[in-house]
C-alpha atoms as a PDB file:
ATOM      1  CA  MET A   1     -23.771   5.141 -14.792  1.00  0.00           C
ATOM      2  CA  ARG A   2     -20.073   6.039 -14.389  1.00  0.00           C
ATOM      3  CA  LYS A   3     -20.343   8.642 -17.185  1.00  0.00           C
ATOM      4  CA  LEU A   4     -23.425  10.170 -15.523  1.00  0.00           C
ATOM      5  CA  ALA A   5     -21.576  10.375 -12.216  1.00  0.00           C
ATOM      6  CA  ARG A   6     -18.621  12.107 -13.869  1.00  0.00           C
ATOM      7  CA  ILE A   7     -20.967  14.597 -15.597  1.00  0.00           C
ATOM      8  CA  ALA A   8     -22.753  15.302 -12.319  1.00  0.00           C
ATOM      9  CA  SER A   9     -19.436  15.930 -10.549  1.00  0.00           C
ATOM     10  CA  ILE A  10     -18.354  18.365 -13.271  1.00  0.00           C
ATOM     11  CA  VAL A  11     -21.654  20.262 -12.981  1.00  0.00           C
ATOM     12  CA  LEU A  12     -21.186  20.454  -9.198  1.00  0.00           C
ATOM     13  CA  LEU A  13     -17.579  21.632  -9.623  1.00  0.00           C
ATOM     14  CA  VAL A  14     -18.657  24.463 -11.931  1.00  0.00           C
ATOM     15  CA  ALA A  15     -21.437  25.464  -9.534  1.00  0.00           C
ATOM     16  CA  ILE A  16     -19.070  25.638  -6.555  1.00  0.00           C
ATOM     17  CA  LEU A  17     -16.454  27.516  -8.558  1.00  0.00           C
ATOM     18  CA  THR A  18     -19.014  30.055  -9.739  1.00  0.00           C
ATOM     19  CA  SER A  19     -19.887  30.849  -6.140  1.00  0.00           C
ATOM     20  CA  ALA A  20     -16.191  31.081  -5.243  1.00  0.00           C
ATOM     21  CA  CYS A  21     -15.089  33.406  -8.026  1.00  0.00           C
ATOM     22  CA  GLY A  22     -14.991  36.410  -5.718  1.00  0.00           C
ATOM     23  CA  ALA A  23     -13.113  34.624  -2.954  1.00  0.00           C
ATOM     24  CA  GLY A  24      -9.810  36.411  -3.398  1.00  0.00           C
ATOM     25  CA  GLY A  25     -10.351  38.927  -0.656  1.00  0.00           C
ATOM     26  CA  ASP A  26     -12.364  41.478  -2.671  1.00  0.00           C
ATOM     27  CA  SER A  27     -16.129  41.275  -2.361  1.00  0.00           C
ATOM     28  CA  GLY A  28     -16.680  42.790  -5.772  1.00  0.00           C
ATOM     29  CA  GLY A  29     -14.857  39.986  -7.537  1.00  0.00           C
ATOM     30  CA  ASP A  30     -12.880  42.467  -9.693  1.00  0.00           C
ATOM     31  CA  LYS A  31      -9.550  40.864  -8.866  1.00  0.00           C
ATOM     32  CA  PRO A  32      -8.606  37.251  -9.570  1.00  0.00           C
ATOM     33  CA  PHE A  33      -8.030  34.720  -6.841  1.00  0.00           C
ATOM     34  CA  ARG A  34      -4.233  34.262  -6.749  1.00  0.00           C
ATOM     35  CA  ILE A  35      -2.446  30.981  -6.084  1.00  0.00           C
ATOM     36  CA  ALA A  36       1.290  30.327  -5.941  1.00  0.00           C
ATOM     37  CA  VAL A  37       2.632  26.773  -6.051  1.00  0.00           C
ATOM     38  CA  VAL A  38       6.059  25.336  -5.255  1.00  0.00           C
ATOM     39  CA  THR A  39       6.780  21.870  -6.671  1.00  0.00           C
ATOM     40  CA  PRO A  40       9.735  19.509  -6.157  1.00  0.00           C
ATOM     41  CA  SER A  41      10.032  18.640  -9.863  1.00  0.00           C
ATOM     42  CA  ALA A  42       8.970  19.922 -13.281  1.00  0.00           C
ATOM     43  CA  LYS A  43       5.335  20.624 -14.049  1.00  0.00           C
ATOM     44  CA  ASN A  44       5.581  18.148 -16.941  1.00  0.00           C
ATOM     45  CA  ASP A  45       7.239  15.356 -14.923  1.00  0.00           C
ATOM     46  CA  LEU A  46       4.450  12.869 -15.796  1.00  0.00           C
ATOM     47  CA  ALA A  47       4.042  12.345 -12.065  1.00  0.00           C
ATOM     48  CA  PHE A  48       3.408  14.261  -8.837  1.00  0.00           C
ATOM     49  CA  SER A  49       4.137  17.853  -9.893  1.00  0.00           C
ATOM     50  CA  GLN A  50       2.234  17.487 -13.159  1.00  0.00           C
ATOM     51  CA  SER A  51      -0.816  16.342 -11.205  1.00  0.00           C
ATOM     52  CA  ILE A  52      -1.139  19.669  -9.339  1.00  0.00           C
ATOM     53  CA  TYR A  53      -0.353  21.731 -12.440  1.00  0.00           C
ATOM     54  CA  GLU A  54      -3.026  20.032 -14.541  1.00  0.00           C
ATOM     55  CA  SER A  55      -5.518  20.319 -11.680  1.00  0.00           C
ATOM     56  CA  LEU A  56      -4.891  24.068 -11.414  1.00  0.00           C
ATOM     57  CA  LEU A  57      -5.433  24.443 -15.155  1.00  0.00           C
ATOM     58  CA  LYS A  58      -8.741  22.587 -14.798  1.00  0.00           C
ATOM     59  CA  VAL A  59      -9.923  24.841 -11.973  1.00  0.00           C
ATOM     60  CA  GLN A  60      -8.775  27.952 -13.821  1.00  0.00           C
ATOM     61  CA  GLN A  61     -10.781  26.960 -16.882  1.00  0.00           C
ATOM     62  CA  ALA A  62     -13.867  26.162 -14.805  1.00  0.00           C
ATOM     63  CA  MET A  63     -13.662  29.531 -13.041  1.00  0.00           C
ATOM     64  CA  GLY A  64     -13.501  31.436 -16.308  1.00  0.00           C
ATOM     65  CA  GLY A  65      -9.810  31.843 -17.080  1.00  0.00           C
ATOM     66  CA  PRO A  66      -6.834  33.828 -15.722  1.00  0.00           C
ATOM     67  CA  GLU A  67      -9.006  36.870 -15.056  1.00  0.00           C
ATOM     68  CA  LYS A  68     -10.782  34.817 -12.374  1.00  0.00           C
ATOM     69  CA  LEU A  69      -7.972  32.544 -11.192  1.00  0.00           C
ATOM     70  CA  GLU A  70      -4.338  33.515 -11.557  1.00  0.00           C
ATOM     71  CA  PHE A  71      -1.612  31.080 -10.593  1.00  0.00           C
ATOM     72  CA  VAL A  72       2.160  30.866 -10.769  1.00  0.00           C
ATOM     73  CA  ILE A  73       4.390  27.866 -10.238  1.00  0.00           C
ATOM     74  CA  SER A  74       7.996  27.493  -9.116  1.00  0.00           C
ATOM     75  CA  GLU A  75       9.283  24.165 -10.413  1.00  0.00           C
ATOM     76  CA  ASN A  76      12.167  21.904  -9.404  1.00  0.00           C
ATOM     77  CA  MET A  77      12.264  23.168  -5.813  1.00  0.00           C
ATOM     78  CA  PHE A  78      13.737  19.925  -4.498  1.00  0.00           C
ATOM     79  CA  VAL A  79      15.977  21.874  -2.097  1.00  0.00           C
ATOM     80  CA  VAL A  80      13.670  22.597   0.826  1.00  0.00           C
ATOM     81  CA  ASP A  81      15.463  25.803   1.870  1.00  0.00           C
ATOM     82  CA  ASP A  82      15.024  27.220  -1.637  1.00  0.00           C
ATOM     83  CA  ALA A  83      11.365  26.213  -1.579  1.00  0.00           C
ATOM     84  CA  GLY A  84      10.952  27.942   1.772  1.00  0.00           C
ATOM     85  CA  ALA A  85      12.398  31.176   0.389  1.00  0.00           C
ATOM     86  CA  ALA A  86       9.990  31.023  -2.559  1.00  0.00           C
ATOM     87  CA  ILE A  87       7.014  30.303  -0.285  1.00  0.00           C
ATOM     88  CA  ARG A  88       7.871  33.267   1.952  1.00  0.00           C
ATOM     89  CA  ASP A  89       8.300  35.523  -1.067  1.00  0.00           C
ATOM     90  CA  TYR A  90       4.917  34.525  -2.506  1.00  0.00           C
ATOM     91  CA  ALA A  91       3.238  35.129   0.853  1.00  0.00           C
ATOM     92  CA  SER A  92       4.825  38.575   1.088  1.00  0.00           C
ATOM     93  CA  GLN A  93       3.416  39.377  -2.368  1.00  0.00           C
ATOM     94  CA  GLY A  94      -0.113  38.863  -1.074  1.00  0.00           C
ATOM     95  CA  TYR A  95      -1.119  35.637  -2.811  1.00  0.00           C
ATOM     96  CA  ASP A  96      -4.404  34.296  -1.459  1.00  0.00           C
ATOM     97  CA  LEU A  97      -3.150  30.700  -1.297  1.00  0.00           C
ATOM     98  CA  VAL A  98       0.423  29.409  -1.289  1.00  0.00           C
ATOM     99  CA  ILE A  99       0.840  25.680  -1.896  1.00  0.00           C
ATOM    100  CA  GLY A 100       3.919  23.653  -1.040  1.00  0.00           C
ATOM    101  CA  HIS A 101       3.208  20.577  -3.149  1.00  0.00           C
ATOM    102  CA  GLY A 102       5.113  18.040  -1.087  1.00  0.00           C
ATOM    103  CA  SER A 103       5.011  16.882   2.515  1.00  0.00           C
ATOM    104  CA  GLN A 104       8.721  17.706   2.753  1.00  0.00           C
ATOM    105  CA  TYR A 105       7.719  21.382   2.866  1.00  0.00           C
ATOM    106  CA  GLY A 106       5.839  20.958   6.144  1.00  0.00           C
ATOM    107  CA  GLY A 107       8.709  22.192   8.289  1.00  0.00           C
ATOM    108  CA  VAL A 108       9.104  25.485   6.430  1.00  0.00           C
ATOM    109  CA  LEU A 109       5.335  26.021   6.398  1.00  0.00           C
ATOM    110  CA  GLN A 110       5.287  25.723  10.190  1.00  0.00           C
ATOM    111  CA  GLU A 111       7.862  28.524  10.335  1.00  0.00           C
ATOM    112  CA  ILE A 112       6.346  30.771   7.661  1.00  0.00           C
ATOM    113  CA  ALA A 113       2.573  30.490   8.141  1.00  0.00           C
ATOM    114  CA  PRO A 114       2.443  32.251  11.550  1.00  0.00           C
ATOM    115  CA  ASP A 115       4.209  35.260  10.005  1.00  0.00           C
ATOM    116  CA  PHE A 116       1.370  35.690   7.479  1.00  0.00           C
ATOM    117  CA  PRO A 117      -1.853  35.056   9.441  1.00  0.00           C
ATOM    118  CA  LYS A 118      -4.076  36.478   6.675  1.00  0.00           C
ATOM    119  CA  THR A 119      -2.598  34.190   3.990  1.00  0.00           C
ATOM    120  CA  SER A 120      -3.696  30.596   3.463  1.00  0.00           C
ATOM    121  CA  PHE A 121      -1.156  27.835   2.888  1.00  0.00           C
ATOM    122  CA  ALA A 122      -1.565  24.201   1.854  1.00  0.00           C
ATOM    123  CA  HIS A 123       0.652  21.149   1.497  1.00  0.00           C
ATOM    124  CA  GLY A 124       0.413  17.449   0.702  1.00  0.00           C
ATOM    125  CA  THR A 125       0.365  14.628   0.653  1.00  0.00           C
ATOM    126  CA  THR A 126      -0.283  14.643   4.380  1.00  0.00           C
ATOM    127  CA  VAL A 127      -3.128  15.228   6.806  1.00  0.00           C
ATOM    128  CA  ASP A 128      -1.145  17.472   9.182  1.00  0.00           C
ATOM    129  CA  THR A 129      -2.544  21.019   9.340  1.00  0.00           C
ATOM    130  CA  PHE A 130      -0.476  21.943  12.453  1.00  0.00           C
ATOM    131  CA  VAL A 131      -3.596  22.997  14.361  1.00  0.00           C
ATOM    132  CA  ASP A 132      -2.157  21.205  17.381  1.00  0.00           C
ATOM    133  CA  LYS A 133       0.722  23.693  17.217  1.00  0.00           C
ATOM    134  CA  GLY A 134      -1.628  26.674  17.236  1.00  0.00           C
ATOM    135  CA  ILE A 135      -1.400  27.309  13.478  1.00  0.00           C
ATOM    136  CA  THR A 136      -4.783  27.973  11.846  1.00  0.00           C
ATOM    137  CA  ASN A 137      -3.970  28.973   8.259  1.00  0.00           C
ATOM    138  CA  VAL A 138      -2.633  25.744   6.761  1.00  0.00           C
ATOM    139  CA  PHE A 139      -4.678  23.193   4.794  1.00  0.00           C
ATOM    140  CA  ALA A 140      -3.485  19.658   4.060  1.00  0.00           C
ATOM    141  CA  TYR A 141      -4.360  17.156   1.348  1.00  0.00           C
ATOM    142  CA  GLU A 142      -3.685  13.475   0.780  1.00  0.00           C
ATOM    143  CA  ALA A 143      -4.082  10.939  -2.032  1.00  0.00           C
ATOM    144  CA  ARG A 144      -5.444   7.562  -0.964  1.00  0.00           C
ATOM    145  CA  SER A 145      -3.252   6.109  -3.670  1.00  0.00           C
ATOM    146  CA  GLU A 146      -3.488   2.578  -2.315  1.00  0.00           C
ATOM    147  CA  GLN A 147      -6.961   2.429  -3.879  1.00  0.00           C
ATOM    148  CA  GLY A 148      -5.910   2.888  -7.495  1.00  0.00           C
ATOM    149  CA  GLY A 149      -2.762   0.946  -6.680  1.00  0.00           C
ATOM    150  CA  TYR A 150      -4.927  -2.021  -5.728  1.00  0.00           C
ATOM    151  CA  VAL A 151      -6.875  -1.767  -9.000  1.00  0.00           C
ATOM    152  CA  ASN A 152      -3.658  -1.594 -11.033  1.00  0.00           C
ATOM    153  CA  GLY A 153      -2.333  -4.557  -9.091  1.00  0.00           C
ATOM    154  CA  VAL A 154      -5.430  -6.624  -9.880  1.00  0.00           C
ATOM    155  CA  ILE A 155      -4.968  -5.933 -13.593  1.00  0.00           C
ATOM    156  CA  ALA A 156      -1.266  -6.746 -13.352  1.00  0.00           C
ATOM    157  CA  GLY A 157      -1.992 -10.024 -11.593  1.00  0.00           C
ATOM    158  CA  ALA A 158      -4.415 -10.954 -14.345  1.00  0.00           C
ATOM    159  CA  LEU A 159      -2.022 -10.087 -17.184  1.00  0.00           C
ATOM    160  CA  THR A 160       1.330 -11.449 -16.049  1.00  0.00           C
ATOM    161  CA  LYS A 161       2.441 -14.579 -17.879  1.00  0.00           C
ATOM    162  CA  SER A 162       5.723 -15.125 -16.054  1.00  0.00           C
ATOM    163  CA  ASN A 163       4.081 -14.676 -12.626  1.00  0.00           C
ATOM    164  CA  VAL A 164       6.864 -12.231 -11.757  1.00  0.00           C
ATOM    165  CA  ILE A 165       5.965  -8.557 -11.209  1.00  0.00           C
ATOM    166  CA  GLY A 166       8.442  -5.781 -10.398  1.00  0.00           C
ATOM    167  CA  VAL A 167       7.795  -2.529  -8.521  1.00  0.00           C
ATOM    168  CA  VAL A 168      10.195   0.430  -8.466  1.00  0.00           C
ATOM    169  CA  GLY A 169       9.558   2.583  -5.393  1.00  0.00           C
ATOM    170  CA  PRO A 170      11.237   5.884  -4.459  1.00  0.00           C
ATOM    171  CA  ILE A 171      11.303   6.430  -0.664  1.00  0.00           C
ATOM    172  CA  GLU A 172       9.105   4.262   1.552  1.00  0.00           C
ATOM    173  CA  THR A 173       6.793   7.025   2.753  1.00  0.00           C
ATOM    174  CA  GLY A 174       3.604   8.958   1.973  1.00  0.00           C
ATOM    175  CA  ASP A 175       1.510   8.274  -1.097  1.00  0.00           C
ATOM    176  CA  ALA A 176       4.401   6.310  -2.631  1.00  0.00           C
ATOM    177  CA  LYS A 177       4.223   3.664   0.106  1.00  0.00           C
ATOM    178  CA  LEU A 178       0.423   3.658  -0.026  1.00  0.00           C
ATOM    179  CA  TYR A 179       0.472   3.040  -3.773  1.00  0.00           C
ATOM    180  CA  VAL A 180       3.059   0.285  -3.648  1.00  0.00           C
ATOM    181  CA  ASP A 181       1.333  -1.481  -0.744  1.00  0.00           C
ATOM    182  CA  GLY A 182      -2.010  -1.273  -2.561  1.00  0.00           C
ATOM    183  CA  PHE A 183      -0.501  -2.522  -5.816  1.00  0.00           C
ATOM    184  CA  VAL A 184       1.124  -5.523  -4.139  1.00  0.00           C
ATOM    185  CA  ALA A 185      -2.103  -6.402  -2.303  1.00  0.00           C
ATOM    186  CA  GLY A 186      -4.138  -6.159  -5.510  1.00  0.00           C
ATOM    187  CA  ALA A 187      -1.738  -8.320  -7.499  1.00  0.00           C
ATOM    188  CA  LYS A 188      -1.632 -10.997  -4.800  1.00  0.00           C
ATOM    189  CA  SER A 189      -5.420 -11.004  -4.409  1.00  0.00           C
ATOM    190  CA  GLN A 190      -5.895 -11.673  -8.107  1.00  0.00           C
ATOM    191  CA  ASN A 191      -2.924 -14.007  -8.564  1.00  0.00           C
ATOM    192  CA  PRO A 192      -1.719 -15.648  -5.344  1.00  0.00           C
ATOM    193  CA  ASN A 193       1.000 -17.437  -7.300  1.00  0.00           C
ATOM    194  CA  ALA A 194       2.583 -14.200  -8.498  1.00  0.00           C
ATOM    195  CA  GLN A 195       5.922 -13.106  -7.087  1.00  0.00           C
ATOM    196  CA  VAL A 196       5.859  -9.336  -6.534  1.00  0.00           C
ATOM    197  CA  ASN A 197       9.350  -7.889  -6.066  1.00  0.00           C
ATOM    198  CA  VAL A 198       9.621  -4.364  -4.644  1.00  0.00           C
ATOM    199  CA  ASN A 199      12.785  -2.277  -4.880  1.00  0.00           C
ATOM    200  CA  TRP A 200      12.976   1.037  -2.966  1.00  0.00           C
ATOM    201  CA  ILE A 201      15.736   3.133  -4.555  1.00  0.00           C
ATOM    202  CA  GLY A 202      15.808   5.862  -1.876  1.00  0.00           C
ATOM    203  CA  SER A 203      15.116   8.761  -4.248  1.00  0.00           C
ATOM    204  CA  PHE A 204      12.135  10.467  -5.871  1.00  0.00           C
ATOM    205  CA  SER A 205      14.196  11.899  -8.718  1.00  0.00           C
ATOM    206  CA  ASP A 206      17.105   9.585  -9.586  1.00  0.00           C
ATOM    207  CA  VAL A 207      16.194   8.368 -13.080  1.00  0.00           C
ATOM    208  CA  ALA A 208      19.386   6.295 -13.444  1.00  0.00           C
ATOM    209  CA  LEU A 209      18.712   4.378 -10.225  1.00  0.00           C
ATOM    210  CA  ALA A 210      15.136   3.728 -11.316  1.00  0.00           C
ATOM    211  CA  SER A 211      16.437   2.357 -14.604  1.00  0.00           C
ATOM    212  CA  GLU A 212      18.859   0.068 -12.783  1.00  0.00           C
ATOM    213  CA  ALA A 213      16.103  -1.187 -10.494  1.00  0.00           C
ATOM    214  CA  ALA A 214      13.868  -1.919 -13.482  1.00  0.00           C
ATOM    215  CA  GLN A 215      16.694  -3.838 -15.174  1.00  0.00           C
ATOM    216  CA  THR A 216      17.034  -5.943 -12.040  1.00  0.00           C
ATOM    217  CA  HIS A 217      13.327  -6.757 -12.162  1.00  0.00           C
ATOM    218  CA  VAL A 218      13.523  -7.740 -15.828  1.00  0.00           C
ATOM    219  CA  LYS A 219      16.497 -10.019 -15.143  1.00  0.00           C
ATOM    220  CA  ALA A 220      14.438 -11.655 -12.392  1.00  0.00           C
ATOM    221  CA  GLY A 221      11.767 -12.479 -14.975  1.00  0.00           C
ATOM    222  CA  ALA A 222       9.292  -9.632 -14.512  1.00  0.00           C
ATOM    223  CA  ASP A 223       6.976  -9.121 -17.477  1.00  0.00           C
ATOM    224  CA  VAL A 224       4.889  -6.490 -15.649  1.00  0.00           C
ATOM    225  CA  MET A 225       6.157  -3.484 -13.683  1.00  0.00           C
ATOM    226  CA  ALA A 226       4.907  -0.443 -11.802  1.00  0.00           C
ATOM    227  CA  GLY A 227       6.423   2.485  -9.945  1.00  0.00           C
ATOM    228  CA  THR A 228       5.741   5.927  -8.545  1.00  0.00           C
ATOM    229  CA  ALA A 229       7.350   9.411  -8.461  1.00  0.00           C
ATOM    230  CA  GLN A 230       9.099  11.398 -11.169  1.00  0.00           C
ATOM    231  CA  MET A 231      12.068   9.015 -11.376  1.00  0.00           C
ATOM    232  CA  VAL A 232       9.918   6.340 -13.057  1.00  0.00           C
ATOM    233  CA  VAL A 233      10.687   7.706 -16.522  1.00  0.00           C
ATOM    234  CA  GLY A 234      13.879   5.644 -16.275  1.00  0.00           C
ATOM    235  CA  ALA A 235      11.978   2.499 -15.354  1.00  0.00           C
ATOM    236  CA  ILE A 236       9.403   3.043 -18.102  1.00  0.00           C
ATOM    237  CA  GLY A 237      12.217   3.226 -20.642  1.00  0.00           C
ATOM    238  CA  VAL A 238      13.417  -0.193 -19.506  1.00  0.00           C
ATOM    239  CA  ALA A 239       9.882  -1.583 -19.666  1.00  0.00           C
ATOM    240  CA  LYS A 240       9.549  -0.308 -23.230  1.00  0.00           C
ATOM    241  CA  GLU A 241      12.875  -1.831 -24.303  1.00  0.00           C
ATOM    242  CA  ASN A 242      11.933  -5.219 -22.863  1.00  0.00           C
ATOM    243  CA  ASN A 243       8.254  -5.212 -23.835  1.00  0.00           C
ATOM    244  CA  ALA A 244       7.213  -5.419 -20.187  1.00  0.00           C
ATOM    245  CA  LEU A 245       3.808  -4.025 -19.261  1.00  0.00           C
ATOM    246  CA  TRP A 246       3.728  -0.850 -17.155  1.00  0.00           C
ATOM    247  CA  PHE A 247       1.222   0.618 -14.690  1.00  0.00           C
ATOM    248  CA  GLY A 248       1.503   4.310 -13.779  1.00  0.00           C
ATOM    249  CA  THR A 249       0.236   6.576 -11.046  1.00  0.00           C
ATOM    250  CA  GLN A 250      -0.075  10.307 -10.179  1.00  0.00           C
ATOM    251  CA  ALA A 251      -0.320  11.430 -13.841  1.00  0.00           C
ATOM    252  CA  SER A 252      -0.680   9.807 -17.233  1.00  0.00           C
ATOM    253  CA  GLN A 253       2.522   8.114 -18.375  1.00  0.00           C
ATOM    254  CA  THR A 254       1.068   6.614 -21.551  1.00  0.00           C
ATOM    255  CA  SER A 255       2.867   9.037 -23.863  1.00  0.00           C
ATOM    256  CA  LEU A 256       6.269   7.621 -22.864  1.00  0.00           C
ATOM    257  CA  ALA A 257       5.487   4.068 -23.953  1.00  0.00           C
ATOM    258  CA  PRO A 258       2.023   3.681 -25.495  1.00  0.00           C
ATOM    259  CA  ASP A 259       2.753   0.086 -26.500  1.00  0.00           C
ATOM    260  CA  VAL A 260       3.313  -1.171 -22.950  1.00  0.00           C
ATOM    261  CA  VAL A 261       1.489   1.216 -20.590  1.00  0.00           C
ATOM    262  CA  VAL A 262      -1.752  -0.507 -19.607  1.00  0.00           C
ATOM    263  CA  ALA A 263      -3.357   1.961 -17.199  1.00  0.00           C
ATOM    264  CA  ASN A 264      -2.617   4.930 -14.956  1.00  0.00           C
ATOM    265  CA  GLN A 265      -4.070   6.064 -11.663  1.00  0.00           C
ATOM    266  CA  ILE A 266      -4.631   9.810 -12.105  1.00  0.00           C
ATOM    267  CA  TYR A 267      -4.522  12.353  -9.271  1.00  0.00           C
ATOM    268  CA  ASP A 268      -7.119  15.087  -9.808  1.00  0.00           C
ATOM    269  CA  TRP A 269      -6.704  17.755  -7.129  1.00  0.00           C
ATOM    270  CA  SER A 270      -9.265  20.138  -8.671  1.00  0.00           C
ATOM    271  CA  GLY A 271     -11.983  19.259  -6.152  1.00  0.00           C
ATOM    272  CA  VAL A 272      -9.614  19.919  -3.236  1.00  0.00           C
ATOM    273  CA  ILE A 273      -8.459  23.226  -4.720  1.00  0.00           C
ATOM    274  CA  THR A 274     -12.072  24.246  -5.282  1.00  0.00           C
ATOM    275  CA  GLU A 275     -13.057  23.466  -1.701  1.00  0.00           C
ATOM    276  CA  ILE A 276     -10.098  25.423  -0.346  1.00  0.00           C
ATOM    277  CA  ILE A 277     -10.949  28.446  -2.497  1.00  0.00           C
ATOM    278  CA  ASP A 278     -14.545  28.273  -1.287  1.00  0.00           C
ATOM    279  CA  LEU A 279     -13.473  28.028   2.365  1.00  0.00           C
ATOM    280  CA  ILE A 280     -11.108  30.980   2.050  1.00  0.00           C
ATOM    281  CA  GLY A 281     -13.924  33.017   0.506  1.00  0.00           C
ATOM    282  CA  LYS A 282     -16.015  32.236   3.579  1.00  0.00           C
ATOM    283  CA  GLY A 283     -13.218  33.229   5.959  1.00  0.00           C
ATOM    284  CA  THR A 284     -11.691  29.829   6.829  1.00  0.00           C
ATOM    285  CA  LEU A 285      -7.969  30.106   6.142  1.00  0.00           C
ATOM    286  CA  GLY A 286      -6.841  26.625   7.167  1.00  0.00           C
ATOM    287  CA  GLY A 287      -7.199  23.849   9.672  1.00  0.00           C
ATOM    288  CA  GLN A 288      -8.844  21.279   7.403  1.00  0.00           C
ATOM    289  CA  ALA A 289      -7.433  18.210   5.655  1.00  0.00           C
ATOM    290  CA  PHE A 290      -8.744  16.657   2.448  1.00  0.00           C
ATOM    291  CA  GLN A 291      -8.413  13.306   0.724  1.00  0.00           C
ATOM    292  CA  ILE A 292      -8.815  12.331  -2.901  1.00  0.00           C
ATOM    293  CA  THR A 293     -10.321   8.869  -3.421  1.00  0.00           C
ATOM    294  CA  LEU A 294     -11.952   6.717  -6.048  1.00  0.00           C
ATOM    295  CA  ALA A 295     -15.304   7.568  -4.456  1.00  0.00           C
ATOM    296  CA  ASN A 296     -14.967  11.349  -4.789  1.00  0.00           C
ATOM    297  CA  LYS A 297     -13.374  11.039  -8.263  1.00  0.00           C
ATOM    298  CA  GLY A 298     -10.152  12.684  -7.115  1.00  0.00           C
ATOM    299  CA  LEU A 299      -8.582   9.390  -8.129  1.00  0.00           C
ATOM    300  CA  TYR A 300      -9.536   7.570 -11.300  1.00  0.00           C
ATOM    301  CA  ILE A 301      -8.165   4.883 -13.571  1.00  0.00           C
ATOM    302  CA  GLU A 302      -7.201   5.968 -17.083  1.00  0.00           C
ATOM    303  CA  TYR A 303      -6.917   3.064 -19.519  1.00  0.00           C
ATOM    304  CA  ASN A 304      -4.519   3.332 -22.432  1.00  0.00           C
ATOM    305  CA  THR A 305      -6.732   2.994 -25.510  1.00  0.00           C
ATOM    306  CA  ALA A 306      -3.685   1.994 -27.584  1.00  0.00           C
ATOM    307  CA  TYR A 307      -3.223  -1.122 -25.469  1.00  0.00           C
ATOM    308  CA  ASN A 308      -5.582  -3.982 -26.267  1.00  0.00           C
ATOM    309  CA  LEU A 309      -6.763  -4.775 -22.754  1.00  0.00           C
ATOM    310  CA  PRO A 310      -8.978  -7.884 -22.780  1.00  0.00           C
ATOM    311  CA  ALA A 311     -12.605  -6.999 -22.066  1.00  0.00           C
ATOM    312  CA  GLU A 312     -12.846  -9.442 -19.183  1.00  0.00           C
ATOM    313  CA  VAL A 313      -9.815  -7.874 -17.486  1.00  0.00           C
ATOM    314  CA  LYS A 314     -11.223  -4.361 -17.851  1.00  0.00           C
ATOM    315  CA  ASP A 315     -14.532  -5.595 -16.443  1.00  0.00           C
ATOM    316  CA  LEU A 316     -12.595  -7.064 -13.518  1.00  0.00           C
ATOM    317  CA  ALA A 317     -10.871  -3.713 -12.952  1.00  0.00           C
ATOM    318  CA  GLU A 318     -14.159  -1.797 -13.054  1.00  0.00           C
ATOM    319  CA  ALA A 319     -15.738  -4.265 -10.645  1.00  0.00           C
ATOM    320  CA  THR A 320     -12.776  -3.756  -8.325  1.00  0.00           C
ATOM    321  CA  VAL A 321     -13.210   0.035  -8.459  1.00  0.00           C
ATOM    322  CA  ASP A 322     -16.897  -0.349  -7.584  1.00  0.00           C
ATOM    323  CA  ALA A 323     -16.082  -2.714  -4.719  1.00  0.00           C
ATOM    324  CA  ILE A 324     -13.568  -0.259  -3.257  1.00  0.00           C
ATOM    325  CA  VAL A 325     -16.051   2.617  -3.551  1.00  0.00           C
ATOM    326  CA  THR A 326     -18.829   0.663  -1.824  1.00  0.00           C
ATOM    327  CA  GLY A 327     -16.522  -0.711   0.836  1.00  0.00           C
ATOM    328  CA  ALA A 328     -16.827  -4.318  -0.275  1.00  0.00           C
ATOM    329  CA  ILE A 329     -13.039  -4.264  -0.668  1.00  0.00           C
ATOM    330  CA  ASN A 330     -11.123  -2.477   2.087  1.00  0.00           C
ATOM    331  CA  VAL A 331      -7.608  -1.492   1.047  1.00  0.00           C
ATOM    332  CA  ALA A 332      -6.935   0.916   3.912  1.00  0.00           C
ATOM    333  CA  PRO A 333      -3.387   0.591   5.302  1.00  0.00           C
END
């Protein structure tokens, strides 16, 4: 049934995209829809920035290629002022949609968007579209990452042998906090005896600090770990060295340590991007917020096929996904 649902969602995505192909401001559809994206880290960061890049590639392919959807990306814009300059420049070039992929860009979007009333902007993860401030051309999007976090936590609780689990968090905000809170709740629900230690390092990008935090967890006896944001590459390296299991989120992290990565929660923003393109084509330039969830397939669990996950644990994980989708398990913050 899950495969049929995924196939049906893909068919629907293609149908919506086909109708939206001419949404770039020219009724004849001769010109491509143009998107510019600013990201805080590299497009191959195995985390947040990679999630939007891969989603754009998916939408581009579904629409028929670069001749239908053209996009550019400015990477490593962790300095907000630099990101703001890039966003303003893209808007002045006439891009149909300019995305600041990070809630930290909200302030500059509030300043820039009113200067370009015919251009659409978007940012996330957040639900703030600034409509209450009189701004009508900004979309917002959010990942309900606590849902996949809960599923990963359930698996972790079932697999730990030491009953000590470590979590490396960046800054206690946004989808990072949602994921960590969900993971902890899932682990404790499955294994009430487990000790789940959380360490917030205060940075999304400091790989060295993430590595140090992971070492601390290992010394405390953790045989399972998780984390979120682009800095986790440091923590994954420690997990690999110590044969500790790892659970990822935002994008697939399996390639870094295929022997210890168990599963990843994947962010698929393609449905959100598609809806925004469709709305712009119909004349709505902003004012709406979107969420990706397990129910709408914007979030999904990717299992590492190289890791021999016991069948009963995978069945438990799938049952947990179904329970979250139906509302039998409520993991809302």
